Amino acid sequence: MFVASVGAMLGVSAAGVAAPPRAAVDQHFLAEVRGHGHAVAQGEDEALVVSAARKICQRRDSRTYMERRAATLTSDELAAVKRSFGDDSQGFIAVATDTFCS
């Protein structure tokens, strides 16, 4: 039991490799977004765009109605994505899935 607890605390994956900290993955995602030429305002918009991106993967992996519903983007998240990506929703989905769904 102790080994399992330590593994969970360290974020060890099934392959035995420590997963990067959540904040590092979020920052990598934002760097990728900006690297593709999309501006994301610091602060609340960053948090909303990251949340929306994470929900893309949650929604993709959902099995039940309740899981899909929990992963529905809020109007604030949709607005932040629109401010950053304009009409390029496919660009947003591509960066989100490349970062969070792999």
C-alpha atoms as a PDB file:
ATOM      1  CA  MET A   1       0.000   0.000   0.000  1.00  0.00           C
ATOM      2  CA  PHE A   2       2.838   2.406   0.830  1.00  0.00           C
ATOM      3  CA  VAL A   3       4.449   1.881  -2.596  1.00  0.00           C
ATOM      4  CA  ALA A   4       1.171   2.634  -4.357  1.00  0.00           C
ATOM      5  CA  SER A   5       0.739   5.795  -2.301  1.00  0.00           C
ATOM      6  CA  VAL A   6       4.246   7.006  -3.108  1.00  0.00           C
ATOM      7  CA  GLY A   7       3.692   6.235  -6.789  1.00  0.00           C
ATOM      8  CA  ALA A   8       0.476   8.225  -6.789  1.00  0.00           C
ATOM      9  CA  MET A   9       2.168  11.152  -5.037  1.00  0.00           C
ATOM     10  CA  LEU A  10       4.977  11.217  -7.578  1.00  0.00           C
ATOM     11  CA  GLY A  11       2.633  10.949 -10.549  1.00  0.00           C
ATOM     12  CA  VAL A  12       4.178   7.721 -11.776  1.00  0.00           C
ATOM     13  CA  SER A  13       2.492   6.386 -14.870  1.00  0.00           C
ATOM     14  CA  ALA A  14       1.780   2.759 -15.693  1.00  0.00           C
ATOM     15  CA  ALA A  15       5.069   2.658 -17.600  1.00  0.00           C
ATOM     16  CA  GLY A  16       6.915   3.590 -14.424  1.00  0.00           C
ATOM     17  CA  VAL A  17       7.985   7.030 -15.629  1.00  0.00           C
ATOM     18  CA  ALA A  18       7.159  10.090 -13.575  1.00  0.00           C
ATOM     19  CA  ALA A  19       4.620  12.315 -15.301  1.00  0.00           C
ATOM     20  CA  PRO A  20       5.550  15.985 -15.628  1.00  0.00           C
ATOM     21  CA  PRO A  21       3.896  18.288 -13.104  1.00  0.00           C
ATOM     22  CA  ARG A  22       0.523  19.675 -14.202  1.00  0.00           C
ATOM     23  CA  ALA A  23       1.790  23.271 -14.187  1.00  0.00           C
ATOM     24  CA  ALA A  24       4.669  22.330 -16.494  1.00  0.00           C
ATOM     25  CA  VAL A  25       2.283  20.706 -18.969  1.00  0.00           C
ATOM     26  CA  ASP A  26       0.006  23.756 -18.826  1.00  0.00           C
ATOM     27  CA  GLN A  27       2.954  26.078 -19.540  1.00  0.00           C
ATOM     28  CA  HIS A  28       4.089  23.820 -22.400  1.00  0.00           C
ATOM     29  CA  PHE A  29       0.594  24.026 -23.886  1.00  0.00           C
ATOM     30  CA  LEU A  30       0.565  27.840 -23.634  1.00  0.00           C
ATOM     31  CA  ALA A  31       4.024  27.994 -25.249  1.00  0.00           C
ATOM     32  CA  GLU A  32       2.772  25.787 -28.097  1.00  0.00           C
ATOM     33  CA  VAL A  33      -0.293  27.995 -28.567  1.00  0.00           C
ATOM     34  CA  ARG A  34       1.868  31.117 -28.715  1.00  0.00           C
ATOM     35  CA  GLY A  35       4.355  29.316 -30.960  1.00  0.00           C
ATOM     36  CA  HIS A  36       1.523  28.789 -33.444  1.00  0.00           C
ATOM     37  CA  GLY A  37       0.938  32.560 -33.472  1.00  0.00           C
ATOM     38  CA  HIS A  38      -2.042  32.772 -31.125  1.00  0.00           C
ATOM     39  CA  ALA A  39      -2.054  35.350 -28.344  1.00  0.00           C
ATOM     40  CA  VAL A  40      -3.402  34.355 -24.935  1.00  0.00           C
ATOM     41  CA  ALA A  41      -3.843  37.131 -22.405  1.00  0.00           C
ATOM     42  CA  GLN A  42      -2.075  36.403 -19.136  1.00  0.00           C
ATOM     43  CA  GLY A  43      -4.158  35.600 -16.104  1.00  0.00           C
ATOM     44  CA  GLU A  44      -7.759  34.522 -16.427  1.00  0.00           C
ATOM     45  CA  ASP A  45      -7.640  33.826 -20.189  1.00  0.00           C
ATOM     46  CA  GLU A  46      -4.644  31.523 -19.709  1.00  0.00           C
ATOM     47  CA  ALA A  47      -6.516  29.547 -17.054  1.00  0.00           C
ATOM     48  CA  LEU A  48      -9.684  29.363 -19.167  1.00  0.00           C
ATOM     49  CA  VAL A  49      -7.888  28.250 -22.348  1.00  0.00           C
ATOM     50  CA  VAL A  50      -5.939  25.579 -20.427  1.00  0.00           C
ATOM     51  CA  SER A  51      -9.144  24.372 -18.768  1.00  0.00           C
ATOM     52  CA  ALA A  52     -10.885  24.170 -22.141  1.00  0.00           C
ATOM     53  CA  ALA A  53      -7.979  22.238 -23.638  1.00  0.00           C
ATOM     54  CA  ARG A  54      -7.974  19.720 -20.807  1.00  0.00           C
ATOM     55  CA  LYS A  55     -11.735  19.239 -21.240  1.00  0.00           C
ATOM     56  CA  ILE A  56     -11.228  18.376 -24.921  1.00  0.00           C
ATOM     57  CA  CYS A  57      -9.398  15.228 -23.833  1.00  0.00           C
ATOM     58  CA  GLN A  58     -11.784  14.485 -20.979  1.00  0.00           C
ATOM     59  CA  ARG A  59     -14.668  14.704 -23.402  1.00  0.00           C
ATOM     60  CA  ARG A  60     -12.931  12.468 -25.923  1.00  0.00           C
ATOM     61  CA  ASP A  61     -12.300   9.824 -23.263  1.00  0.00           C
ATOM     62  CA  SER A  62     -15.775  10.072 -21.676  1.00  0.00           C
ATOM     63  CA  ARG A  63     -17.842   6.963 -21.504  1.00  0.00           C
ATOM     64  CA  THR A  64     -20.981   8.165 -19.764  1.00  0.00           C
ATOM     65  CA  TYR A  65     -23.369  11.063 -20.200  1.00  0.00           C
ATOM     66  CA  MET A  66     -22.329  12.508 -16.838  1.00  0.00           C
ATOM     67  CA  GLU A  67     -18.636  12.389 -17.783  1.00  0.00           C
ATOM     68  CA  ARG A  68     -19.335  14.117 -21.106  1.00  0.00           C
ATOM     69  CA  ARG A  69     -21.496  16.719 -19.399  1.00  0.00           C
ATOM     70  CA  ALA A  70     -18.780  17.445 -16.813  1.00  0.00           C
ATOM     71  CA  ALA A  71     -16.348  18.050 -19.669  1.00  0.00           C
ATOM     72  CA  THR A  72     -18.593  20.568 -21.454  1.00  0.00           C
ATOM     73  CA  LEU A  73     -16.862  23.895 -22.024  1.00  0.00           C
ATOM     74  CA  THR A  74     -18.308  26.894 -20.210  1.00  0.00           C
ATOM     75  CA  SER A  75     -19.257  30.106 -21.992  1.00  0.00           C
ATOM     76  CA  ASP A  76     -16.216  31.777 -20.392  1.00  0.00           C
ATOM     77  CA  GLU A  77     -13.905  29.044 -21.709  1.00  0.00           C
ATOM     78  CA  LEU A  78     -15.430  29.279 -25.187  1.00  0.00           C
ATOM     79  CA  ALA A  79     -15.025  33.071 -25.165  1.00  0.00           C
ATOM     80  CA  ALA A  80     -11.363  32.816 -24.108  1.00  0.00           C
ATOM     81  CA  VAL A  81     -10.657  30.278 -26.871  1.00  0.00           C
ATOM     82  CA  LYS A  82     -12.411  32.561 -29.373  1.00  0.00           C
ATOM     83  CA  ARG A  83     -10.287  35.546 -28.233  1.00  0.00           C
ATOM     84  CA  SER A  84      -7.106  33.524 -28.650  1.00  0.00           C
ATOM     85  CA  PHE A  85      -7.891  31.440 -31.738  1.00  0.00           C
ATOM     86  CA  GLY A  86     -10.557  33.444 -33.540  1.00  0.00           C
ATOM     87  CA  ASP A  87     -12.278  31.141 -35.999  1.00  0.00           C
ATOM     88  CA  ASP A  88      -9.471  28.545 -35.857  1.00  0.00           C
ATOM     89  CA  SER A  89     -11.228  26.075 -33.562  1.00  0.00           C
ATOM     90  CA  GLN A  90      -9.499  23.169 -35.326  1.00  0.00           C
ATOM     91  CA  GLY A  91      -6.130  24.752 -34.492  1.00  0.00           C
ATOM     92  CA  PHE A  92      -7.137  24.897 -30.838  1.00  0.00           C
ATOM     93  CA  ILE A  93      -8.269  21.274 -30.869  1.00  0.00           C
ATOM     94  CA  ALA A  94      -5.037  20.164 -32.569  1.00  0.00           C
ATOM     95  CA  VAL A  95      -2.758  21.861 -30.018  1.00  0.00           C
ATOM     96  CA  ALA A  96      -4.953  20.686 -27.128  1.00  0.00           C
ATOM     97  CA  THR A  97      -4.949  17.047 -28.233  1.00  0.00           C
ATOM     98  CA  ASP A  98      -1.230  17.072 -29.023  1.00  0.00           C
ATOM     99  CA  THR A  99      -0.468  18.425 -25.548  1.00  0.00           C
ATOM    100  CA  PHE A 100      -3.032  16.876 -23.223  1.00  0.00           C
ATOM    101  CA  CYS A 101      -4.367  13.759 -24.950  1.00  0.00           C
ATOM    102  CA  SER A 102      -1.145  11.934 -25.650  1.00  0.00           C
END
